[in-house]
Amino acid sequence: MSAYLLIFTVSLLAATVLPFSSEAVLATQLAAGTGNAAALIAAAATGNVLGSVVNWALGRILRAHLDAPWFPFSKKDVERAGENFRKFGLWSLLFAWLPVVGDPLTFVAGTLGVGFWPFVLLVAIGKTARYAAIGWVM
């Protein structure tokens, strides 16, 4: 598997609830010189943003089922998260890269009906900046 496909895949999975560390994989690849640094950063950012889009889409699709017993969050939890999201606004999506809060933030954005393009733009800026910072440090 190429270095680019590996970092893309790990970054995509890391944007879900699966416990992957795309930062460690990217740093390792950059340190080892396994590919072009800019291309590795682009592959990581693309995969991670796509994973966030999956979370957003799940939020959009599943919002109609908030009362279902199988839904992973209570309606009250989603409403509370929605209040926080509205409090901090759309710009909070710039922080979708943060551990613990980032993945639920992208899901909640979907449940609240945040538009696709503003979502992608803000999430991409934040996540790309994070990977660029890793590239700069390495």
N, C-alpha and C. Protein backbone atom coordinates (compact mmCIF):
# COMPACT_ATOMS: atom_id res chain seq x y z
N MET A 1 0.85 -1.18 0.00
CA MET A 1 0.00 0.00 0.00
C MET A 1 0.90 1.24 0.00
N SER A 2 0.57 2.19 -0.83
CA SER A 2 1.41 3.38 -0.90
C SER A 2 1.25 4.21 0.36
N ALA A 3 2.24 5.05 0.61
CA ALA A 3 2.20 5.93 1.78
C ALA A 3 1.00 6.85 1.73
N TYR A 4 0.64 7.27 0.53
CA TYR A 4 -0.48 8.21 0.39
C TYR A 4 -1.82 7.53 0.68
N LEU A 5 -1.98 6.33 0.19
CA LEU A 5 -3.21 5.59 0.46
C LEU A 5 -3.32 5.24 1.94
N LEU A 6 -2.20 4.90 2.55
CA LEU A 6 -2.19 4.57 3.97
C LEU A 6 -2.63 5.78 4.80
N ILE A 7 -2.02 6.94 4.58
CA ILE A 7 -2.36 8.11 5.40
C ILE A 7 -3.78 8.58 5.11
N PHE A 8 -4.22 8.46 3.85
CA PHE A 8 -5.60 8.81 3.51
C PHE A 8 -6.57 7.92 4.30
N THR A 9 -6.35 6.61 4.28
CA THR A 9 -7.24 5.66 4.93
C THR A 9 -7.25 5.83 6.45
N VAL A 10 -6.08 5.95 7.04
CA VAL A 10 -6.00 6.13 8.49
C VAL A 10 -6.66 7.44 8.89
N SER A 11 -6.47 8.49 8.11
CA SER A 11 -7.06 9.79 8.43
C SER A 11 -8.57 9.76 8.29
N LEU A 12 -9.06 9.05 7.29
CA LEU A 12 -10.51 8.90 7.13
C LEU A 12 -11.09 8.18 8.33
N LEU A 13 -10.49 7.07 8.72
CA LEU A 13 -11.00 6.30 9.85
C LEU A 13 -10.86 7.07 11.16
N ALA A 14 -9.81 7.88 11.28
CA ALA A 14 -9.60 8.66 12.51
C ALA A 14 -10.68 9.72 12.70
N ALA A 15 -11.35 10.12 11.64
CA ALA A 15 -12.41 11.12 11.74
C ALA A 15 -13.73 10.50 12.19
N THR A 16 -13.75 9.19 12.35
CA THR A 16 -14.94 8.50 12.86
C THR A 16 -14.71 8.21 14.34
N VAL A 17 -15.55 7.41 14.92
CA VAL A 17 -15.38 7.06 16.32
C VAL A 17 -14.30 6.00 16.53
N LEU A 18 -13.71 5.49 15.46
CA LEU A 18 -12.66 4.49 15.59
C LEU A 18 -11.38 5.15 16.12
N PRO A 19 -10.68 4.46 17.01
CA PRO A 19 -9.49 5.05 17.65
C PRO A 19 -8.23 4.93 16.78
N PHE A 20 -8.06 5.83 15.83
CA PHE A 20 -6.86 5.86 15.00
C PHE A 20 -6.15 7.18 15.25
N SER A 21 -4.83 7.17 15.12
CA SER A 21 -4.04 8.38 15.30
C SER A 21 -3.40 8.74 13.97
N SER A 22 -4.09 9.53 13.19
CA SER A 22 -3.55 9.93 11.89
C SER A 22 -2.33 10.83 12.05
N GLU A 23 -2.29 11.61 13.14
CA GLU A 23 -1.14 12.49 13.35
C GLU A 23 0.15 11.69 13.52
N ALA A 24 0.08 10.60 14.27
CA ALA A 24 1.27 9.78 14.48
C ALA A 24 1.72 9.12 13.18
N VAL A 25 0.76 8.66 12.39
CA VAL A 25 1.10 8.02 11.11
C VAL A 25 1.72 9.06 10.17
N LEU A 26 1.12 10.24 10.10
CA LEU A 26 1.68 11.29 9.24
C LEU A 26 3.08 11.68 9.69
N ALA A 27 3.26 11.89 10.99
CA ALA A 27 4.58 12.27 11.50
C ALA A 27 5.62 11.20 11.19
N THR A 28 5.24 9.94 11.33
CA THR A 28 6.15 8.83 11.03
C THR A 28 6.53 8.83 9.55
N GLN A 29 5.54 9.01 8.69
CA GLN A 29 5.82 9.03 7.26
C GLN A 29 6.69 10.21 6.87
N LEU A 30 6.43 11.36 7.45
CA LEU A 30 7.25 12.54 7.15
C LEU A 30 8.68 12.34 7.63
N ALA A 31 8.83 11.80 8.83
CA ALA A 31 10.17 11.57 9.38
C ALA A 31 10.95 10.55 8.55
N ALA A 32 10.23 9.55 8.03
CA ALA A 32 10.87 8.50 7.24
C ALA A 32 11.09 8.93 5.79
N GLY A 33 10.50 10.03 5.39
CA GLY A 33 10.65 10.50 4.01
C GLY A 33 10.01 9.56 3.01
N THR A 34 8.85 8.98 3.34
CA THR A 34 8.22 8.00 2.47
C THR A 34 7.47 8.61 1.29
N GLY A 35 7.45 9.91 1.21
CA GLY A 35 6.76 10.55 0.08
C GLY A 35 6.93 12.05 0.15
N ASN A 36 6.33 12.72 -0.80
CA ASN A 36 6.34 14.17 -0.85
C ASN A 36 5.53 14.72 0.33
N ALA A 37 6.13 15.61 1.11
CA ALA A 37 5.48 16.12 2.33
C ALA A 37 4.14 16.79 2.02
N ALA A 38 4.10 17.63 1.02
CA ALA A 38 2.85 18.33 0.69
C ALA A 38 1.76 17.34 0.26
N ALA A 39 2.14 16.32 -0.49
CA ALA A 39 1.17 15.32 -0.94
C ALA A 39 0.68 14.47 0.22
N LEU A 40 1.57 14.14 1.16
CA LEU A 40 1.16 13.38 2.34
C LEU A 40 0.18 14.19 3.19
N ILE A 41 0.47 15.48 3.37
CA ILE A 41 -0.43 16.36 4.13
C ILE A 41 -1.77 16.48 3.42
N ALA A 42 -1.75 16.63 2.11
CA ALA A 42 -3.00 16.72 1.34
C ALA A 42 -3.81 15.43 1.45
N ALA A 43 -3.14 14.28 1.39
CA ALA A 43 -3.85 13.00 1.51
C ALA A 43 -4.45 12.85 2.90
N ALA A 44 -3.71 13.25 3.94
CA ALA A 44 -4.23 13.17 5.30
C ALA A 44 -5.44 14.09 5.48
N ALA A 45 -5.32 15.32 5.00
CA ALA A 45 -6.42 16.27 5.15
C ALA A 45 -7.65 15.81 4.37
N THR A 46 -7.44 15.33 3.17
CA THR A 46 -8.57 14.87 2.34
C THR A 46 -9.30 13.71 3.01
N GLY A 47 -8.55 12.73 3.49
CA GLY A 47 -9.16 11.60 4.17
C GLY A 47 -9.90 12.01 5.43
N ASN A 48 -9.30 12.90 6.20
CA ASN A 48 -9.93 13.31 7.46
C ASN A 48 -11.18 14.14 7.22
N VAL A 49 -11.14 15.01 6.23
CA VAL A 49 -12.34 15.80 5.89
C VAL A 49 -13.44 14.87 5.37
N LEU A 50 -13.08 13.91 4.54
CA LEU A 50 -14.08 12.97 4.05
C LEU A 50 -14.71 12.18 5.19
N GLY A 51 -13.92 11.79 6.18
CA GLY A 51 -14.47 11.11 7.35
C GLY A 51 -15.45 12.00 8.10
N SER A 52 -15.16 13.29 8.18
CA SER A 52 -16.08 14.23 8.82
C SER A 52 -17.35 14.39 8.01
N VAL A 53 -17.23 14.33 6.70
CA VAL A 53 -18.42 14.40 5.84
C VAL A 53 -19.31 13.19 6.09
N VAL A 54 -18.70 12.03 6.33
CA VAL A 54 -19.48 10.84 6.67
C VAL A 54 -20.25 11.08 7.97
N ASN A 55 -19.59 11.65 8.97
CA ASN A 55 -20.27 11.97 10.24
C ASN A 55 -21.42 12.95 10.00
N TRP A 56 -21.17 13.99 9.22
CA TRP A 56 -22.19 14.99 8.90
C TRP A 56 -23.39 14.33 8.21
N ALA A 57 -23.09 13.47 7.23
CA ALA A 57 -24.17 12.78 6.50
C ALA A 57 -24.97 11.87 7.43
N LEU A 58 -24.28 11.16 8.32
CA LEU A 58 -24.99 10.32 9.28
C LEU A 58 -25.90 11.17 10.17
N GLY A 59 -25.42 12.32 10.58
CA GLY A 59 -26.24 13.23 11.36
C GLY A 59 -27.47 13.68 10.60
N ARG A 60 -27.29 14.00 9.33
CA ARG A 60 -28.43 14.42 8.50
C ARG A 60 -29.45 13.30 8.35
N ILE A 61 -28.95 12.10 8.09
CA ILE A 61 -29.82 10.95 7.86
C ILE A 61 -30.51 10.52 9.15
N LEU A 62 -29.76 10.48 10.24
CA LEU A 62 -30.29 9.92 11.48
C LEU A 62 -31.09 10.91 12.33
N ARG A 63 -31.08 12.18 11.98
CA ARG A 63 -31.81 13.15 12.81
C ARG A 63 -33.30 12.85 12.87
N ALA A 64 -33.82 12.16 11.88
CA ALA A 64 -35.23 11.79 11.89
C ALA A 64 -35.52 10.67 12.89
N HIS A 65 -34.47 10.08 13.44
CA HIS A 65 -34.63 8.93 14.34
C HIS A 65 -34.15 9.24 15.76
N LEU A 66 -34.15 10.50 16.15
CA LEU A 66 -33.64 10.88 17.48
C LEU A 66 -34.37 10.18 18.62
N ASP A 67 -35.62 9.84 18.42
CA ASP A 67 -36.40 9.19 19.48
C ASP A 67 -36.30 7.66 19.45
N ALA A 68 -35.62 7.11 18.46
CA ALA A 68 -35.53 5.65 18.35
C ALA A 68 -34.69 5.09 19.49
N PRO A 69 -35.07 3.94 20.03
CA PRO A 69 -34.32 3.36 21.16
C PRO A 69 -32.89 2.96 20.79
N TRP A 70 -32.62 2.70 19.53
CA TRP A 70 -31.29 2.28 19.11
C TRP A 70 -30.36 3.47 18.83
N PHE A 71 -30.92 4.70 18.82
CA PHE A 71 -30.11 5.87 18.50
C PHE A 71 -29.00 6.01 19.55
N PRO A 72 -27.75 6.25 19.12
CA PRO A 72 -26.62 6.21 20.06
C PRO A 72 -26.60 7.34 21.09
N PHE A 73 -27.34 8.42 20.86
CA PHE A 73 -27.38 9.55 21.80
C PHE A 73 -28.83 9.83 22.16
N SER A 74 -29.05 10.30 23.36
CA SER A 74 -30.41 10.67 23.73
C SER A 74 -30.77 11.97 23.03
N LYS A 75 -32.07 12.18 22.87
CA LYS A 75 -32.53 13.41 22.24
C LYS A 75 -32.05 14.62 23.06
N LYS A 76 -32.04 14.46 24.37
CA LYS A 76 -31.58 15.53 25.26
C LYS A 76 -30.11 15.86 25.01
N ASP A 77 -29.27 14.82 24.81
CA ASP A 77 -27.85 15.02 24.52
C ASP A 77 -27.67 15.80 23.22
N VAL A 78 -28.43 15.41 22.21
CA VAL A 78 -28.33 16.08 20.91
C VAL A 78 -28.80 17.53 21.02
N GLU A 79 -29.88 17.75 21.77
CA GLU A 79 -30.38 19.12 21.95
C GLU A 79 -29.35 19.98 22.69
N ARG A 80 -28.72 19.43 23.71
CA ARG A 80 -27.69 20.16 24.46
C ARG A 80 -26.50 20.47 23.56
N ALA A 81 -26.09 19.51 22.78
CA ALA A 81 -24.98 19.73 21.85
C ALA A 81 -25.37 20.79 20.81
N GLY A 82 -26.61 20.74 20.37
CA GLY A 82 -27.10 21.74 19.42
C GLY A 82 -27.10 23.14 20.01
N GLU A 83 -27.47 23.26 21.30
CA GLU A 83 -27.43 24.56 21.97
C GLU A 83 -26.01 25.10 22.02
N ASN A 84 -25.06 24.22 22.37
CA ASN A 84 -23.65 24.63 22.40
C ASN A 84 -23.16 25.02 21.01
N PHE A 85 -23.59 24.25 20.01
CA PHE A 85 -23.17 24.55 18.65
C PHE A 85 -23.69 25.93 18.23
N ARG A 86 -24.96 26.18 18.51
CA ARG A 86 -25.54 27.49 18.17
C ARG A 86 -24.89 28.61 18.96
N LYS A 87 -24.52 28.32 20.20
CA LYS A 87 -23.86 29.32 21.04
C LYS A 87 -22.54 29.77 20.44
N PHE A 88 -21.74 28.81 19.98
CA PHE A 88 -20.42 29.13 19.42
C PHE A 88 -20.47 29.37 17.92
N GLY A 89 -21.54 28.93 17.28
CA GLY A 89 -21.75 29.22 15.88
C GLY A 89 -21.03 28.30 14.91
N LEU A 90 -21.26 28.60 13.67
CA LEU A 90 -20.71 27.83 12.56
C LEU A 90 -19.18 27.77 12.61
N TRP A 91 -18.59 28.84 13.13
CA TRP A 91 -17.12 28.92 13.17
C TRP A 91 -16.51 27.86 14.07
N SER A 92 -17.31 27.27 14.94
CA SER A 92 -16.78 26.21 15.80
C SER A 92 -16.30 25.02 14.98
N LEU A 93 -16.78 24.90 13.75
CA LEU A 93 -16.34 23.80 12.89
C LEU A 93 -14.85 23.88 12.55
N LEU A 94 -14.25 25.04 12.73
CA LEU A 94 -12.80 25.16 12.56
C LEU A 94 -12.05 24.28 13.55
N PHE A 95 -12.74 23.89 14.62
CA PHE A 95 -12.13 23.07 15.66
C PHE A 95 -12.56 21.62 15.61
N ALA A 96 -13.06 21.18 14.46
CA ALA A 96 -13.48 19.79 14.30
C ALA A 96 -12.30 18.83 14.38
N TRP A 97 -11.10 19.32 14.35
CA TRP A 97 -9.91 18.47 14.44
C TRP A 97 -9.57 18.09 15.88
N LEU A 98 -10.19 18.77 16.84
CA LEU A 98 -9.86 18.50 18.24
C LEU A 98 -10.26 17.08 18.66
N PRO A 99 -9.41 16.45 19.46
CA PRO A 99 -9.77 15.13 19.98
C PRO A 99 -11.01 15.22 20.86
N VAL A 100 -11.75 14.17 20.94
CA VAL A 100 -12.93 13.97 21.79
C VAL A 100 -14.14 14.77 21.29
N VAL A 101 -14.02 16.08 21.08
CA VAL A 101 -15.18 16.89 20.71
C VAL A 101 -15.37 17.03 19.20
N GLY A 102 -14.33 16.83 18.43
CA GLY A 102 -14.39 17.08 16.99
C GLY A 102 -15.36 16.18 16.23
N ASP A 103 -15.31 14.89 16.49
CA ASP A 103 -16.19 13.96 15.77
C ASP A 103 -17.66 14.18 16.12
N PRO A 104 -18.00 14.30 17.41
CA PRO A 104 -19.41 14.60 17.72
C PRO A 104 -19.85 15.96 17.15
N LEU A 105 -18.95 16.92 17.09
CA LEU A 105 -19.27 18.22 16.53
C LEU A 105 -19.71 18.10 15.08
N THR A 106 -19.03 17.27 14.31
CA THR A 106 -19.40 17.11 12.90
C THR A 106 -20.72 16.36 12.75
N PHE A 107 -20.99 15.43 13.65
CA PHE A 107 -22.26 14.72 13.65
C PHE A 107 -23.40 15.68 13.98
N VAL A 108 -23.22 16.49 15.03
CA VAL A 108 -24.24 17.44 15.44
C VAL A 108 -24.51 18.45 14.33
N ALA A 109 -23.46 18.87 13.64
CA ALA A 109 -23.65 19.80 12.52
C ALA A 109 -24.61 19.20 11.49
N GLY A 110 -24.49 17.90 11.27
CA GLY A 110 -25.41 17.23 10.36
C GLY A 110 -26.82 17.18 10.89
N THR A 111 -26.97 16.88 12.19
CA THR A 111 -28.31 16.81 12.75
C THR A 111 -29.00 18.17 12.76
N LEU A 112 -28.22 19.24 12.83
CA LEU A 112 -28.78 20.60 12.83
C LEU A 112 -29.02 21.14 11.43
N GLY A 113 -28.63 20.37 10.43
CA GLY A 113 -28.87 20.80 9.05
C GLY A 113 -27.91 21.85 8.53
N VAL A 114 -26.69 21.90 9.08
CA VAL A 114 -25.68 22.83 8.56
C VAL A 114 -25.45 22.52 7.09
N GLY A 115 -25.37 23.54 6.28
CA GLY A 115 -25.17 23.36 4.84
C GLY A 115 -23.87 22.65 4.52
N PHE A 116 -23.89 21.88 3.44
CA PHE A 116 -22.75 21.06 3.07
C PHE A 116 -21.49 21.89 2.80
N TRP A 117 -21.58 22.90 1.95
CA TRP A 117 -20.38 23.64 1.56
C TRP A 117 -19.77 24.46 2.69
N PRO A 118 -20.56 25.17 3.50
CA PRO A 118 -19.93 25.84 4.66
C PRO A 118 -19.28 24.83 5.61
N PHE A 119 -19.94 23.69 5.79
CA PHE A 119 -19.39 22.63 6.64
C PHE A 119 -18.03 22.18 6.11
N VAL A 120 -17.99 21.81 4.83
CA VAL A 120 -16.74 21.30 4.24
C VAL A 120 -15.64 22.35 4.30
N LEU A 121 -15.97 23.59 3.97
CA LEU A 121 -14.96 24.65 3.95
C LEU A 121 -14.34 24.85 5.33
N LEU A 122 -15.15 24.99 6.35
CA LEU A 122 -14.63 25.25 7.69
C LEU A 122 -13.88 24.05 8.27
N VAL A 123 -14.43 22.86 8.07
CA VAL A 123 -13.76 21.66 8.56
C VAL A 123 -12.42 21.48 7.83
N ALA A 124 -12.41 21.70 6.53
CA ALA A 124 -11.18 21.54 5.75
C ALA A 124 -10.10 22.53 6.18
N ILE A 125 -10.49 23.76 6.46
CA ILE A 125 -9.50 24.75 6.91
C ILE A 125 -8.86 24.30 8.22
N GLY A 126 -9.68 23.92 9.19
CA GLY A 126 -9.14 23.51 10.48
C GLY A 126 -8.28 22.26 10.40
N LYS A 127 -8.77 21.26 9.69
CA LYS A 127 -8.03 20.00 9.63
C LYS A 127 -6.76 20.11 8.80
N THR A 128 -6.81 20.87 7.72
CA THR A 128 -5.61 21.06 6.91
C THR A 128 -4.56 21.84 7.68
N ALA A 129 -5.00 22.85 8.43
CA ALA A 129 -4.05 23.62 9.25
C ALA A 129 -3.36 22.73 10.27
N ARG A 130 -4.13 21.81 10.86
CA ARG A 130 -3.54 20.90 11.85
C ARG A 130 -2.45 20.03 11.19
N TYR A 131 -2.75 19.44 10.04
CA TYR A 131 -1.76 18.59 9.37
C TYR A 131 -0.58 19.42 8.85
N ALA A 132 -0.83 20.64 8.41
CA ALA A 132 0.28 21.51 7.96
C ALA A 132 1.19 21.83 9.13
N ALA A 133 0.62 22.04 10.32
CA ALA A 133 1.43 22.30 11.50
C ALA A 133 2.31 21.10 11.83
N ILE A 134 1.76 19.91 11.69
CA ILE A 134 2.55 18.69 11.92
C ILE A 134 3.69 18.63 10.90
N GLY A 135 3.37 18.94 9.64
CA GLY A 135 4.40 18.96 8.61
C GLY A 135 5.49 19.97 8.90
N TRP A 136 5.10 21.13 9.40
CA TRP A 136 6.06 22.18 9.71
C TRP A 136 6.99 21.75 10.85
N VAL A 137 6.41 21.09 11.86
CA VAL A 137 7.21 20.64 13.00
C VAL A 137 8.18 19.54 12.57
N MET A 138 7.72 18.69 11.68
CA MET A 138 8.57 17.56 11.25
C MET A 138 9.63 18.03 10.28
